[in-house]
């Protein structure tokens, strides 16, 4: 038996309230998508997803304990007119 693929989801923002109410946070959304994709592939592989909301709590996973990092979301503040990009 092989060990599961360990994926750490770094949540870099929070979805808007209606999306969060329906689907959860970005970690929940991507965990669901990854698991559905795995099921659709008929693979016997397994995944283990950990979620890290790094905006509210800037603690990060040990990269030696992860097989993949997935970064999600991005604060709209980055694209505001004060950033020079607006």
Protein backbone atom coordinates (compact mmCIF):
# COMPACT_ATOMS: atom_id res chain seq x y z
CA UNK A 1 0.00 0.00 0.00
CA UNK A 2 1.35 3.42 -0.93
CA UNK A 3 0.98 6.48 1.20
CA UNK A 4 -1.42 9.27 0.17
CA UNK A 5 -0.23 12.29 -1.80
CA UNK A 6 0.09 15.05 0.81
CA UNK A 7 -1.18 18.38 -0.50
CA UNK A 8 -0.97 21.55 1.59
CA UNK A 9 -3.45 24.22 0.52
CA UNK A 10 -2.27 27.72 1.44
CA UNK A 11 -5.37 29.89 1.64
CA UNK A 12 -4.19 33.40 0.68
CA UNK A 13 -7.61 35.05 0.97
CA UNK A 14 -11.21 34.35 1.93
CA UNK A 15 -14.00 33.91 -0.63
CA UNK A 16 -16.82 36.45 -0.72
CA UNK A 17 -19.56 35.66 1.85
CA UNK A 18 -22.08 34.03 -0.56
CA UNK A 19 -19.40 31.70 -1.95
CA UNK A 20 -18.07 30.88 1.51
CA UNK A 21 -21.58 30.15 2.80
CA UNK A 22 -22.24 27.71 -0.04
CA UNK A 23 -18.83 26.07 -0.59
CA UNK A 24 -16.64 26.93 2.41
CA UNK A 25 -13.18 28.45 2.25
CA UNK A 26 -10.72 28.11 -0.62
CA UNK A 27 -9.18 25.08 1.09
CA UNK A 28 -12.57 23.35 1.16
CA UNK A 29 -13.27 24.30 -2.47
CA UNK A 30 -9.96 22.98 -3.77
CA UNK A 31 -10.07 19.84 -1.62
CA UNK A 32 -13.46 19.03 -3.15
CA UNK A 33 -12.21 19.69 -6.68
CA UNK A 34 -9.08 17.58 -6.18
CA UNK A 35 -11.07 14.67 -4.76
CA UNK A 36 -13.67 14.83 -7.55
CA UNK A 37 -10.90 14.88 -10.14
CA UNK A 38 -9.24 11.89 -8.53
CA UNK A 39 -12.53 9.97 -8.45
CA UNK A 40 -13.22 10.79 -12.11
CA UNK A 41 -9.79 9.49 -13.10
CA UNK A 42 -10.55 6.03 -11.67
CA UNK A 43 -7.18 6.18 -9.95
CA UNK A 44 -6.45 4.15 -6.85
CA UNK A 45 -4.31 7.01 -5.52
CA UNK A 46 -5.33 8.81 -2.36
CA UNK A 47 -4.78 12.39 -1.27
CA UNK A 48 -4.44 13.94 2.14
CA UNK A 49 -5.22 17.65 2.17
CA UNK A 50 -4.19 20.07 4.90
CA UNK A 51 -5.44 23.66 4.88
CA UNK A 52 -3.45 26.68 6.03
CA UNK A 53 -5.19 30.08 6.14
CA UNK A 54 -1.96 32.07 5.98
CA UNK A 55 -3.60 35.52 5.96
CA UNK A 56 -5.27 35.13 9.34
CA UNK A 57 -2.58 32.89 10.83
CA UNK A 58 0.81 33.16 9.08
CA UNK A 59 1.96 29.65 9.99
CA UNK A 60 3.12 27.48 7.11
CA UNK A 61 3.45 23.72 6.66
CA UNK A 62 6.81 21.98 6.77
CA UNK A 63 7.68 21.57 3.07
CA UNK A 64 9.44 18.29 3.91
CA UNK A 65 6.07 16.88 4.99
CA UNK A 66 4.23 17.86 1.78
CA UNK A 67 4.31 16.48 -1.74
CA UNK A 68 2.63 19.55 -3.23
CA UNK A 69 1.71 23.11 -2.25
CA UNK A 70 -1.37 24.76 -3.72
CA UNK A 71 -1.74 28.53 -3.25
CA UNK A 72 -5.27 29.87 -3.52
CA UNK A 73 -7.01 33.20 -3.62
CA UNK A 74 -5.44 36.59 -3.72
CA UNK A 75 -6.55 39.66 -1.89
CA UNK A 76 -8.14 42.30 -4.11
CA UNK A 77 -6.11 44.88 -2.20
CA UNK A 78 -3.19 43.93 -4.43
CA UNK A 79 -5.09 45.23 -7.46
CA UNK A 80 -6.42 48.44 -5.92
CA UNK A 81 -5.72 51.79 -7.57
CA UNK A 82 -3.22 52.59 -4.81
CA UNK A 83 -0.94 49.81 -6.02
CA UNK A 84 -0.27 51.63 -9.27
CA UNK A 85 -1.99 48.96 -11.33
CA UNK A 86 -5.53 50.32 -11.13
